[in-house]
Amino acid sequence: MVRVLLTDSISKSYTGGVSEFEIFVSNVRQLIRQLDEIYPGLGSEIDNGTLSLSIDGDIYQDAFLEDLQPDSEITFLPKIGGG
């Protein structure tokens, strides 16, 4: 199962404070769909581009096509702005 970690602000806004859980998925697109089913609005927040994600410690700005391993750890983070 993929382990998902959320920041405090994301978990308070969408999951009622749940910041860590496990889910059966094989890619990022499937993860986003299932998160939106379990926690309505969270998938849309991820899709709108305000969040980056880390897969096993590597940060991705656009990871929608990335495959996940059964033991992957996913962390959602606010996108870092450049300038």
C-alpha atoms as a PDB file:
ATOM      1  CA  MET A   1       0.000   0.000   0.000  1.00  0.00           C
ATOM      2  CA  VAL A   2       1.177   3.495  -0.802  1.00  0.00           C
ATOM      3  CA  ARG A   3       1.722   5.686   2.254  1.00  0.00           C
ATOM      4  CA  VAL A   4       0.356   9.243   1.918  1.00  0.00           C
ATOM      5  CA  LEU A   5       1.477  12.168   4.088  1.00  0.00           C
ATOM      6  CA  LEU A   6      -0.274  15.548   4.128  1.00  0.00           C
ATOM      7  CA  THR A   7       0.777  18.854   5.652  1.00  0.00           C
ATOM      8  CA  ASP A   8      -1.233  20.089   8.630  1.00  0.00           C
ATOM      9  CA  SER A   9      -2.975  22.794   6.606  1.00  0.00           C
ATOM     10  CA  ILE A  10      -4.037  20.359   3.866  1.00  0.00           C
ATOM     11  CA  SER A  11      -5.221  17.750   6.348  1.00  0.00           C
ATOM     12  CA  LYS A  12      -7.214  20.300   8.356  1.00  0.00           C
ATOM     13  CA  SER A  13      -8.889  21.610   5.202  1.00  0.00           C
ATOM     14  CA  TYR A  14      -9.782  18.288   3.552  1.00  0.00           C
ATOM     15  CA  THR A  15      -9.450  15.267   5.826  1.00  0.00           C
ATOM     16  CA  GLY A  16     -10.605  16.458   9.220  1.00  0.00           C
ATOM     17  CA  GLY A  17      -7.029  16.391  10.453  1.00  0.00           C
ATOM     18  CA  VAL A  18      -5.984  12.971   9.124  1.00  0.00           C
ATOM     19  CA  SER A  19      -2.437  13.583   7.928  1.00  0.00           C
ATOM     20  CA  GLU A  20      -1.178  10.061   7.276  1.00  0.00           C
ATOM     21  CA  PHE A  21      -2.854   7.017   5.728  1.00  0.00           C
ATOM     22  CA  GLU A  22      -2.296   4.150   3.308  1.00  0.00           C
ATOM     23  CA  ILE A  23      -4.111   3.475   0.037  1.00  0.00           C
ATOM     24  CA  PHE A  24      -3.987   0.869  -2.765  1.00  0.00           C
ATOM     25  CA  VAL A  25      -3.024   2.626  -6.035  1.00  0.00           C
ATOM     26  CA  SER A  26      -0.495   2.058  -8.809  1.00  0.00           C
ATOM     27  CA  ASN A  27       0.001   5.572 -10.230  1.00  0.00           C
ATOM     28  CA  VAL A  28      -0.432   9.222  -9.297  1.00  0.00           C
ATOM     29  CA  ARG A  29      -3.543   9.799 -11.437  1.00  0.00           C
ATOM     30  CA  GLN A  30      -5.293   6.891  -9.685  1.00  0.00           C
ATOM     31  CA  LEU A  31      -4.158   8.257  -6.321  1.00  0.00           C
ATOM     32  CA  ILE A  32      -5.687  11.665  -7.028  1.00  0.00           C
ATOM     33  CA  ARG A  33      -8.990  10.108  -8.139  1.00  0.00           C
ATOM     34  CA  GLN A  34      -9.237   7.966  -5.027  1.00  0.00           C
ATOM     35  CA  LEU A  35      -8.272  10.808  -2.713  1.00  0.00           C
ATOM     36  CA  ASP A  36     -11.071  12.904  -4.201  1.00  0.00           C
ATOM     37  CA  GLU A  37     -13.547  10.073  -3.598  1.00  0.00           C
ATOM     38  CA  ILE A  38     -12.452   9.592   0.013  1.00  0.00           C
ATOM     39  CA  TYR A  39     -11.880  13.291   0.796  1.00  0.00           C
ATOM     40  CA  PRO A  40     -14.015  15.400  -1.576  1.00  0.00           C
ATOM     41  CA  GLY A  41     -12.162  18.439  -2.899  1.00  0.00           C
ATOM     42  CA  LEU A  42      -8.667  17.136  -2.170  1.00  0.00           C
ATOM     43  CA  GLY A  43      -8.187  15.694  -5.651  1.00  0.00           C
ATOM     44  CA  SER A  44      -9.327  18.968  -7.196  1.00  0.00           C
ATOM     45  CA  GLU A  45      -6.880  20.889  -5.009  1.00  0.00           C
ATOM     46  CA  ILE A  46      -4.069  18.654  -6.248  1.00  0.00           C
ATOM     47  CA  ASP A  47      -5.239  18.961  -9.876  1.00  0.00           C
ATOM     48  CA  ASN A  48      -5.380  22.768  -9.790  1.00  0.00           C
ATOM     49  CA  GLY A  49      -1.593  22.933  -9.583  1.00  0.00           C
ATOM     50  CA  THR A  50      -1.061  24.534  -6.180  1.00  0.00           C
ATOM     51  CA  LEU A  51       0.581  21.423  -4.741  1.00  0.00           C
ATOM     52  CA  SER A  52       3.753  19.541  -5.552  1.00  0.00           C
ATOM     53  CA  LEU A  53       4.345  16.015  -4.457  1.00  0.00           C
ATOM     54  CA  SER A  54       7.262  13.996  -3.312  1.00  0.00           C
ATOM     55  CA  ILE A  55       7.525  10.351  -4.318  1.00  0.00           C
ATOM     56  CA  ASP A  56      10.014   8.523  -2.134  1.00  0.00           C
ATOM     57  CA  GLY A  57      11.850  11.789  -1.441  1.00  0.00           C
ATOM     58  CA  ASP A  58      11.978  13.128  -5.026  1.00  0.00           C
ATOM     59  CA  ILE A  59       9.886  16.288  -5.557  1.00  0.00           C
ATOM     60  CA  TYR A  60       7.775  16.532  -8.721  1.00  0.00           C
ATOM     61  CA  GLN A  61       5.954  19.604 -10.013  1.00  0.00           C
ATOM     62  CA  ASP A  62       3.889  17.534 -12.477  1.00  0.00           C
ATOM     63  CA  ALA A  63       3.826  13.859 -11.550  1.00  0.00           C
ATOM     64  CA  PHE A  64       0.471  12.776 -12.980  1.00  0.00           C
ATOM     65  CA  LEU A  65       1.974  10.010 -15.132  1.00  0.00           C
ATOM     66  CA  GLU A  66       4.369   8.628 -12.520  1.00  0.00           C
ATOM     67  CA  ASP A  67       3.965   5.003 -11.483  1.00  0.00           C
ATOM     68  CA  LEU A  68       4.015   4.116  -7.799  1.00  0.00           C
ATOM     69  CA  GLN A  69       5.463   1.103  -6.046  1.00  0.00           C
ATOM     70  CA  PRO A  70       3.489  -0.719  -3.327  1.00  0.00           C
ATOM     71  CA  ASP A  71       5.871   0.677  -0.695  1.00  0.00           C
ATOM     72  CA  SER A  72       6.066   4.237  -2.084  1.00  0.00           C
ATOM     73  CA  GLU A  73       5.717   7.210   0.248  1.00  0.00           C
ATOM     74  CA  ILE A  74       3.883  10.244  -1.151  1.00  0.00           C
ATOM     75  CA  THR A  75       4.001  13.660   0.479  1.00  0.00           C
ATOM     76  CA  PHE A  76       1.906  16.576  -0.791  1.00  0.00           C
ATOM     77  CA  LEU A  77       3.529  19.995  -0.373  1.00  0.00           C
ATOM     78  CA  PRO A  78       2.637  23.573  -1.316  1.00  0.00           C
ATOM     79  CA  LYS A  79       4.367  24.468  -4.600  1.00  0.00           C
ATOM     80  CA  ILE A  80       7.529  26.494  -4.226  1.00  0.00           C
ATOM     81  CA  GLY A  81       7.329  29.743  -6.171  1.00  0.00           C
ATOM     82  CA  GLY A  82      10.237  30.986  -8.202  1.00  0.00           C
ATOM     83  CA  GLY A  83      11.205  34.445  -9.138  1.00  0.00           C
END
